[in-house]
Amino acid sequence: MRLGCDVICEKPLVPTLEQLDELALVEKETGKKVYNILQLQDYQAILGLKEKVAHNNRADKYDVILTYITSRDKWYMES
């Protein structure tokens, strides 16, 4: 943002609320925005997992490890 660009970021955006507050200050300072995305929200494996969890009556939390490998165009490393 300080280089004059809006930013997109995969979740999680930041690990702490303090860092989220810092990002908000940088947005205000620069007039640029951070956009948080979840590019895997429509990924079939994620949708299937979400459905399995929704139909299970477990009260405890799940520990999910996700590995997702994809190619990127040249612009990705330059941005």
PDB file of N, CA and C in Angstrom:
ATOM      1  N   MET A   1       0.826  -1.180   0.000  1.00  0.00           N
ATOM      2  CA  MET A   1       0.000   0.000   0.000  1.00  0.00           C
ATOM      3  C   MET A   1       0.874   1.249   0.000  1.00  0.00           C
ATOM      4  N   ARG A   2       1.962   1.165   0.733  1.00  0.00           N
ATOM      5  CA  ARG A   2       2.863   2.317   0.777  1.00  0.00           C
ATOM      6  C   ARG A   2       3.596   2.520  -0.538  1.00  0.00           C
ATOM      7  N   LEU A   3       3.531   1.533  -1.414  1.00  0.00           N
ATOM      8  CA  LEU A   3       4.111   1.671  -2.753  1.00  0.00           C
ATOM      9  C   LEU A   3       3.058   2.110  -3.766  1.00  0.00           C
ATOM     10  N   GLY A   4       1.865   2.454  -3.270  1.00  0.00           N
ATOM     11  CA  GLY A   4       0.822   2.979  -4.131  1.00  0.00           C
ATOM     12  C   GLY A   4      -0.106   1.938  -4.725  1.00  0.00           C
ATOM     13  N   CYS A   5      -0.149   0.757  -4.146  1.00  0.00           N
ATOM     14  CA  CYS A   5      -0.978  -0.325  -4.696  1.00  0.00           C
ATOM     15  C   CYS A   5      -2.042  -0.768  -3.704  1.00  0.00           C
ATOM     16  N   ASP A   6      -3.211  -1.126  -4.239  1.00  0.00           N
ATOM     17  CA  ASP A   6      -4.160  -1.878  -3.438  1.00  0.00           C
ATOM     18  C   ASP A   6      -3.601  -3.289  -3.320  1.00  0.00           C
ATOM     19  N   VAL A   7      -4.033  -4.029  -2.308  1.00  0.00           N
ATOM     20  CA  VAL A   7      -3.456  -5.336  -2.009  1.00  0.00           C
ATOM     21  C   VAL A   7      -4.562  -6.374  -1.867  1.00  0.00           C
ATOM     22  N   ILE A   8      -4.322  -7.575  -2.419  1.00  0.00           N
ATOM     23  CA  ILE A   8      -5.192  -8.704  -2.115  1.00  0.00           C
ATOM     24  C   ILE A   8      -4.385  -9.691  -1.294  1.00  0.00           C
ATOM     25  N   CYS A   9      -5.044 -10.337  -0.351  1.00  0.00           N
ATOM     26  CA  CYS A   9      -4.356 -11.263   0.540  1.00  0.00           C
ATOM     27  C   CYS A   9      -5.250 -12.454   0.824  1.00  0.00           C
ATOM     28  N   GLU A  10      -4.667 -13.625   0.742  1.00  0.00           N
ATOM     29  CA  GLU A  10      -5.366 -14.862   1.088  1.00  0.00           C
ATOM     30  C   GLU A  10      -5.574 -14.909   2.602  1.00  0.00           C
ATOM     31  N   LYS A  11      -6.617 -15.590   3.030  1.00  0.00           N
ATOM     32  CA  LYS A  11      -6.848 -15.779   4.463  1.00  0.00           C
ATOM     33  C   LYS A  11      -5.800 -16.722   5.025  1.00  0.00           C
ATOM     34  N   PRO A  12      -5.384 -16.574   6.248  1.00  0.00           N
ATOM     35  CA  PRO A  12      -5.766 -15.508   7.169  1.00  0.00           C
ATOM     36  C   PRO A  12      -5.011 -14.220   6.843  1.00  0.00           C
ATOM     37  N   LEU A  13      -5.687 -13.133   6.946  1.00  0.00           N
ATOM     38  CA  LEU A  13      -5.086 -11.843   6.626  1.00  0.00           C
ATOM     39  C   LEU A  13      -3.930 -11.524   7.567  1.00  0.00           C
ATOM     40  N   VAL A  14      -4.168 -11.606   8.855  1.00  0.00           N
ATOM     41  CA  VAL A  14      -3.139 -11.405   9.886  1.00  0.00           C
ATOM     42  C   VAL A  14      -3.462 -12.319  11.065  1.00  0.00           C
ATOM     43  N   PRO A  15      -2.466 -12.650  11.873  1.00  0.00           N
ATOM     44  CA  PRO A  15      -2.731 -13.550  13.001  1.00  0.00           C
ATOM     45  C   PRO A  15      -3.256 -12.872  14.269  1.00  0.00           C
ATOM     46  N   THR A  16      -3.167 -11.545  14.355  1.00  0.00           N
ATOM     47  CA  THR A  16      -3.603 -10.882  15.593  1.00  0.00           C
ATOM     48  C   THR A  16      -4.472  -9.666  15.288  1.00  0.00           C
ATOM     49  N   LEU A  17      -5.285  -9.290  16.260  1.00  0.00           N
ATOM     50  CA  LEU A  17      -6.111  -8.091  16.114  1.00  0.00           C
ATOM     51  C   LEU A  17      -5.252  -6.834  16.058  1.00  0.00           C
ATOM     52  N   GLU A  18      -4.123  -6.846  16.756  1.00  0.00           N
ATOM     53  CA  GLU A  18      -3.228  -5.690  16.729  1.00  0.00           C
ATOM     54  C   GLU A  18      -2.706  -5.449  15.307  1.00  0.00           C
ATOM     55  N   GLN A  19      -2.349  -6.524  14.623  1.00  0.00           N
ATOM     56  CA  GLN A  19      -1.865  -6.383  13.247  1.00  0.00           C
ATOM     57  C   GLN A  19      -2.987  -5.937  12.312  1.00  0.00           C
ATOM     58  N   LEU A  20      -4.211  -6.349  12.595  1.00  0.00           N
ATOM     59  CA  LEU A  20      -5.351  -5.885  11.808  1.00  0.00           C
ATOM     60  C   LEU A  20      -5.533  -4.381  11.981  1.00  0.00           C
ATOM     61  N   ASP A  21      -5.381  -3.918  13.212  1.00  0.00           N
ATOM     62  CA  ASP A  21      -5.457  -2.476  13.476  1.00  0.00           C
ATOM     63  C   ASP A  21      -4.353  -1.725  12.735  1.00  0.00           C
ATOM     64  N   GLU A  22      -3.149  -2.307  12.697  1.00  0.00           N
ATOM     65  CA  GLU A  22      -2.040  -1.686  11.965  1.00  0.00           C
ATOM     66  C   GLU A  22      -2.366  -1.571  10.477  1.00  0.00           C
ATOM     67  N   LEU A  23      -2.949  -2.615   9.904  1.00  0.00           N
ATOM     68  CA  LEU A  23      -3.331  -2.561   8.489  1.00  0.00           C
ATOM     69  C   LEU A  23      -4.362  -1.466   8.241  1.00  0.00           C
ATOM     70  N   ALA A  24      -5.307  -1.329   9.150  1.00  0.00           N
ATOM     71  CA  ALA A  24      -6.319  -0.280   9.011  1.00  0.00           C
ATOM     72  C   ALA A  24      -5.670   1.102   9.020  1.00  0.00           C
ATOM     73  N   LEU A  25      -4.654   1.279   9.856  1.00  0.00           N
ATOM     74  CA  LEU A  25      -3.939   2.558   9.893  1.00  0.00           C
ATOM     75  C   LEU A  25      -3.199   2.823   8.586  1.00  0.00           C
ATOM     76  N   VAL A  26      -2.588   1.783   8.024  1.00  0.00           N
ATOM     77  CA  VAL A  26      -1.870   1.948   6.754  1.00  0.00           C
ATOM     78  C   VAL A  26      -2.865   2.259   5.633  1.00  0.00           C
ATOM     79  N   GLU A  27      -4.036   1.632   5.659  1.00  0.00           N
ATOM     80  CA  GLU A  27      -5.069   1.964   4.675  1.00  0.00           C
ATOM     81  C   GLU A  27      -5.443   3.441   4.774  1.00  0.00           C
ATOM     82  N   LYS A  28      -5.642   3.906   5.995  1.00  0.00           N
ATOM     83  CA  LYS A  28      -6.015   5.309   6.208  1.00  0.00           C
ATOM     84  C   LYS A  28      -4.893   6.244   5.762  1.00  0.00           C
ATOM     85  N   GLU A  29      -3.668   5.873   6.086  1.00  0.00           N
ATOM     86  CA  GLU A  29      -2.491   6.679   5.743  1.00  0.00           C
ATOM     87  C   GLU A  29      -2.291   6.786   4.231  1.00  0.00           C
ATOM     88  N   THR A  30      -2.503   5.684   3.524  1.00  0.00           N
ATOM     89  CA  THR A  30      -2.169   5.631   2.096  1.00  0.00           C
ATOM     90  C   THR A  30      -3.357   5.842   1.165  1.00  0.00           C
ATOM     91  N   GLY A  31      -4.565   5.654   1.686  1.00  0.00           N
ATOM     92  CA  GLY A  31      -5.740   5.710   0.818  1.00  0.00           C
ATOM     93  C   GLY A  31      -5.903   4.456  -0.032  1.00  0.00           C
ATOM     94  N   LYS A  32      -5.080   3.463   0.205  1.00  0.00           N
ATOM     95  CA  LYS A  32      -5.152   2.185  -0.519  1.00  0.00           C
ATOM     96  C   LYS A  32      -5.884   1.164   0.344  1.00  0.00           C
ATOM     97  N   LYS A  33      -6.328   0.088  -0.273  1.00  0.00           N
ATOM     98  CA  LYS A  33      -7.142  -0.910   0.418  1.00  0.00           C
ATOM     99  C   LYS A  33      -6.505  -2.286   0.406  1.00  0.00           C
ATOM    100  N   VAL A  34      -6.801  -3.062   1.461  1.00  0.00           N
ATOM    101  CA  VAL A  34      -6.453  -4.478   1.529  1.00  0.00           C
ATOM    102  C   VAL A  34      -7.750  -5.254   1.320  1.00  0.00           C
ATOM    103  N   TYR A  35      -7.722  -6.173   0.373  1.00  0.00           N
ATOM    104  CA  TYR A  35      -8.881  -7.025   0.117  1.00  0.00           C
ATOM    105  C   TYR A  35      -8.529  -8.447   0.509  1.00  0.00           C
ATOM    106  N   ASN A  36      -9.313  -9.014   1.401  1.00  0.00           N
ATOM    107  CA  ASN A  36      -9.090 -10.370   1.887  1.00  0.00           C
ATOM    108  C   ASN A  36      -9.902 -11.335   1.033  1.00  0.00           C
ATOM    109  N   ILE A  37      -9.249 -12.356   0.496  1.00  0.00           N
ATOM    110  CA  ILE A  37      -9.937 -13.305  -0.373  1.00  0.00           C
ATOM    111  C   ILE A  37      -9.753 -14.725   0.138  1.00  0.00           C
ATOM    112  N   LEU A  38     -10.610 -15.592  -0.315  1.00  0.00           N
ATOM    113  CA  LEU A  38     -10.465 -17.023  -0.079  1.00  0.00           C
ATOM    114  C   LEU A  38     -10.648 -17.687  -1.433  1.00  0.00           C
ATOM    115  N   GLN A  39      -9.562 -17.850  -2.155  1.00  0.00           N
ATOM    116  CA  GLN A  39      -9.658 -18.345  -3.521  1.00  0.00           C
ATOM    117  C   GLN A  39     -10.123 -19.788  -3.588  1.00  0.00           C
ATOM    118  N   LEU A  40     -10.084 -20.505  -2.484  1.00  0.00           N
ATOM    119  CA  LEU A  40     -10.502 -21.906  -2.488  1.00  0.00           C
ATOM    120  C   LEU A  40     -11.958 -22.088  -2.055  1.00  0.00           C
ATOM    121  N   GLN A  41     -12.709 -21.007  -1.897  1.00  0.00           N
ATOM    122  CA  GLN A  41     -14.066 -21.141  -1.377  1.00  0.00           C
ATOM    123  C   GLN A  41     -14.967 -21.985  -2.268  1.00  0.00           C
ATOM    124  N   ASP A  42     -14.690 -22.063  -3.563  1.00  0.00           N
ATOM    125  CA  ASP A  42     -15.486 -22.879  -4.473  1.00  0.00           C
ATOM    126  C   ASP A  42     -14.749 -24.134  -4.925  1.00  0.00           C
ATOM    127  N   TYR A  43     -13.647 -24.453  -4.282  1.00  0.00           N
ATOM    128  CA  TYR A  43     -12.854 -25.633  -4.609  1.00  0.00           C
ATOM    129  C   TYR A  43     -13.628 -26.870  -4.159  1.00  0.00           C
ATOM    130  N   GLN A  44     -13.796 -27.837  -5.051  1.00  0.00           N
ATOM    131  CA  GLN A  44     -14.666 -28.983  -4.793  1.00  0.00           C
ATOM    132  C   GLN A  44     -14.299 -29.738  -3.510  1.00  0.00           C
ATOM    133  N   ALA A  45     -13.023 -29.927  -3.249  1.00  0.00           N
ATOM    134  CA  ALA A  45     -12.612 -30.635  -2.032  1.00  0.00           C
ATOM    135  C   ALA A  45     -13.033 -29.871  -0.776  1.00  0.00           C
ATOM    136  N   ILE A  46     -12.959 -28.561  -0.808  1.00  0.00           N
ATOM    137  CA  ILE A  46     -13.365 -27.741   0.338  1.00  0.00           C
ATOM    138  C   ILE A  46     -14.875 -27.807   0.521  1.00  0.00           C
ATOM    139  N   LEU A  47     -15.614 -27.741  -0.581  1.00  0.00           N
ATOM    140  CA  LEU A  47     -17.074 -27.831  -0.492  1.00  0.00           C
ATOM    141  C   LEU A  47     -17.499 -29.181   0.089  1.00  0.00           C
ATOM    142  N   GLY A  48     -16.826 -30.255  -0.334  1.00  0.00           N
ATOM    143  CA  GLY A  48     -17.130 -31.577   0.203  1.00  0.00           C
ATOM    144  C   GLY A  48     -16.835 -31.674   1.690  1.00  0.00           C
ATOM    145  N   LEU A  49     -15.696 -31.117   2.103  1.00  0.00           N
ATOM    146  CA  LEU A  49     -15.330 -31.117   3.521  1.00  0.00           C
ATOM    147  C   LEU A  49     -16.345 -30.320   4.338  1.00  0.00           C
ATOM    148  N   LYS A  50     -16.738 -29.172   3.812  1.00  0.00           N
ATOM    149  CA  LYS A  50     -17.712 -28.327   4.497  1.00  0.00           C
ATOM    150  C   LYS A  50     -19.038 -29.076   4.695  1.00  0.00           C
ATOM    151  N   GLU A  51     -19.451 -29.817   3.683  1.00  0.00           N
ATOM    152  CA  GLU A  51     -20.695 -30.586   3.778  1.00  0.00           C
ATOM    153  C   GLU A  51     -20.578 -31.704   4.819  1.00  0.00           C
ATOM    154  N   LYS A  52     -19.442 -32.402   4.834  1.00  0.00           N
ATOM    155  CA  LYS A  52     -19.231 -33.465   5.826  1.00  0.00           C
ATOM    156  C   LYS A  52     -19.287 -32.908   7.245  1.00  0.00           C
ATOM    157  N   VAL A  53     -18.649 -31.780   7.462  1.00  0.00           N
ATOM    158  CA  VAL A  53     -18.634 -31.166   8.792  1.00  0.00           C
ATOM    159  C   VAL A  53     -20.042 -30.729   9.188  1.00  0.00           C
ATOM    160  N   ALA A  54     -20.795 -30.181   8.241  1.00  0.00           N
ATOM    161  CA  ALA A  54     -22.145 -29.698   8.533  1.00  0.00           C
ATOM    162  C   ALA A  54     -23.077 -30.838   8.949  1.00  0.00           C
ATOM    163  N   HIS A  55     -22.828 -32.039   8.438  1.00  0.00           N
ATOM    164  CA  HIS A  55     -23.703 -33.174   8.733  1.00  0.00           C
ATOM    165  C   HIS A  55     -23.187 -34.044   9.882  1.00  0.00           C
ATOM    166  N   ASN A  56     -22.158 -33.606  10.558  1.00  0.00           N
ATOM    167  CA  ASN A  56     -21.599 -34.350  11.677  1.00  0.00           C
ATOM    168  C   ASN A  56     -21.954 -33.612  12.961  1.00  0.00           C
ATOM    169  N   ASN A  57     -22.339 -34.324  13.968  1.00  0.00           N
ATOM    170  CA  ASN A  57     -22.774 -33.695  15.221  1.00  0.00           C
ATOM    171  C   ASN A  57     -21.660 -33.554  16.254  1.00  0.00           C
ATOM    172  N   ARG A  58     -20.419 -33.558  15.811  1.00  0.00           N
ATOM    173  CA  ARG A  58     -19.303 -33.398  16.749  1.00  0.00           C
ATOM    174  C   ARG A  58     -19.336 -32.019  17.380  1.00  0.00           C
ATOM    175  N   ALA A  59     -19.053 -31.974  18.657  1.00  0.00           N
ATOM    176  CA  ALA A  59     -19.010 -30.689  19.360  1.00  0.00           C
ATOM    177  C   ALA A  59     -17.602 -30.107  19.375  1.00  0.00           C
ATOM    178  N   ASP A  60     -16.589 -30.965  19.214  1.00  0.00           N
ATOM    179  CA  ASP A  60     -15.216 -30.463  19.272  1.00  0.00           C
ATOM    180  C   ASP A  60     -14.774 -29.919  17.914  1.00  0.00           C
ATOM    181  N   LYS A  61     -13.622 -29.306  17.896  1.00  0.00           N
ATOM    182  CA  LYS A  61     -13.097 -28.682  16.683  1.00  0.00           C
ATOM    183  C   LYS A  61     -12.389 -29.711  15.815  1.00  0.00           C
ATOM    184  N   TYR A  62     -12.286 -29.380  14.555  1.00  0.00           N
ATOM    185  CA  TYR A  62     -11.553 -30.205  13.602  1.00  0.00           C
ATOM    186  C   TYR A  62     -10.169 -29.608  13.386  1.00  0.00           C
ATOM    187  N   ASP A  63      -9.208 -30.445  13.151  1.00  0.00           N
ATOM    188  CA  ASP A  63      -7.866 -30.005  12.777  1.00  0.00           C
ATOM    189  C   ASP A  63      -7.675 -30.408  11.320  1.00  0.00           C
ATOM    190  N   VAL A  64      -7.650 -29.429  10.433  1.00  0.00           N
ATOM    191  CA  VAL A  64      -7.579 -29.694   8.998  1.00  0.00           C
ATOM    192  C   VAL A  64      -6.245 -29.204   8.460  1.00  0.00           C
ATOM    193  N   ILE A  65      -5.573 -30.061   7.737  1.00  0.00           N
ATOM    194  CA  ILE A  65      -4.343 -29.676   7.046  1.00  0.00           C
ATOM    195  C   ILE A  65      -4.647 -29.721   5.559  1.00  0.00           C
ATOM    196  N   LEU A  66      -4.463 -28.601   4.893  1.00  0.00           N
ATOM    197  CA  LEU A  66      -4.784 -28.486   3.476  1.00  0.00           C
ATOM    198  C   LEU A  66      -3.522 -28.155   2.696  1.00  0.00           C
ATOM    199  N   THR A  67      -3.265 -28.926   1.680  1.00  0.00           N
ATOM    200  CA  THR A  67      -2.175 -28.621   0.760  1.00  0.00           C
ATOM    201  C   THR A  67      -2.792 -28.362  -0.601  1.00  0.00           C
ATOM    202  N   TYR A  68      -2.503 -27.215  -1.157  1.00  0.00           N
ATOM    203  CA  TYR A  68      -3.062 -26.828  -2.451  1.00  0.00           C
ATOM    204  C   TYR A  68      -1.916 -26.291  -3.288  1.00  0.00           C
ATOM    205  N   ILE A  69      -1.637 -26.943  -4.380  1.00  0.00           N
ATOM    206  CA  ILE A  69      -0.527 -26.543  -5.241  1.00  0.00           C
ATOM    207  C   ILE A  69      -1.098 -26.101  -6.579  1.00  0.00           C
ATOM    208  N   THR A  70      -0.685 -24.939  -7.025  1.00  0.00           N
ATOM    209  CA  THR A  70      -1.172 -24.421  -8.300  1.00  0.00           C
ATOM    210  C   THR A  70      -0.065 -23.643  -8.987  1.00  0.00           C
ATOM    211  N   SER A  71      -0.175 -23.521 -10.270  1.00  0.00           N
ATOM    212  CA  SER A  71       0.808 -22.722 -11.009  1.00  0.00           C
ATOM    213  C   SER A  71       0.397 -21.254 -10.968  1.00  0.00           C
ATOM    214  N   ARG A  72       1.343 -20.399 -11.181  1.00  0.00           N
ATOM    215  CA  ARG A  72       1.092 -18.954 -11.221  1.00  0.00           C
ATOM    216  C   ARG A  72       1.717 -18.387 -12.489  1.00  0.00           C
ATOM    217  N   ASP A  73       1.062 -17.386 -13.048  1.00  0.00           N
ATOM    218  CA  ASP A  73       1.630 -16.696 -14.204  1.00  0.00           C
ATOM    219  C   ASP A  73       2.811 -15.839 -13.757  1.00  0.00           C
ATOM    220  N   LYS A  74       3.552 -15.306 -14.726  1.00  0.00           N
ATOM    221  CA  LYS A  74       4.752 -14.508 -14.431  1.00  0.00           C
ATOM    222  C   LYS A  74       4.454 -13.294 -13.553  1.00  0.00           C
ATOM    223  N   TRP A  75       3.284 -12.686 -13.728  1.00  0.00           N
ATOM    224  CA  TRP A  75       2.940 -11.485 -12.976  1.00  0.00           C
ATOM    225  C   TRP A  75       2.940 -11.738 -11.476  1.00  0.00           C
ATOM    226  N   TYR A  76       2.669 -12.970 -11.066  1.00  0.00           N
ATOM    227  CA  TYR A  76       2.529 -13.278  -9.644  1.00  0.00           C
ATOM    228  C   TYR A  76       3.811 -12.967  -8.879  1.00  0.00           C
ATOM    229  N   MET A  77       4.939 -13.340  -9.434  1.00  0.00           N
ATOM    230  CA  MET A  77       6.214 -13.104  -8.758  1.00  0.00           C
ATOM    231  C   MET A  77       6.674 -11.656  -8.880  1.00  0.00           C
ATOM    232  N   GLU A  78       6.067 -10.909  -9.786  1.00  0.00           N
ATOM    233  CA  GLU A  78       6.445  -9.510  -9.974  1.00  0.00           C
ATOM    234  C   GLU A  78       5.557  -8.557  -9.189  1.00  0.00           C
ATOM    235  N   SER A  79       4.463  -9.063  -8.656  1.00  0.00           N
ATOM    236  CA  SER A  79       3.517  -8.174  -7.971  1.00  0.00           C
ATOM    237  C   SER A  79       3.852  -8.031  -6.505  1.00  0.00           C
TER     238      SER A  79
END
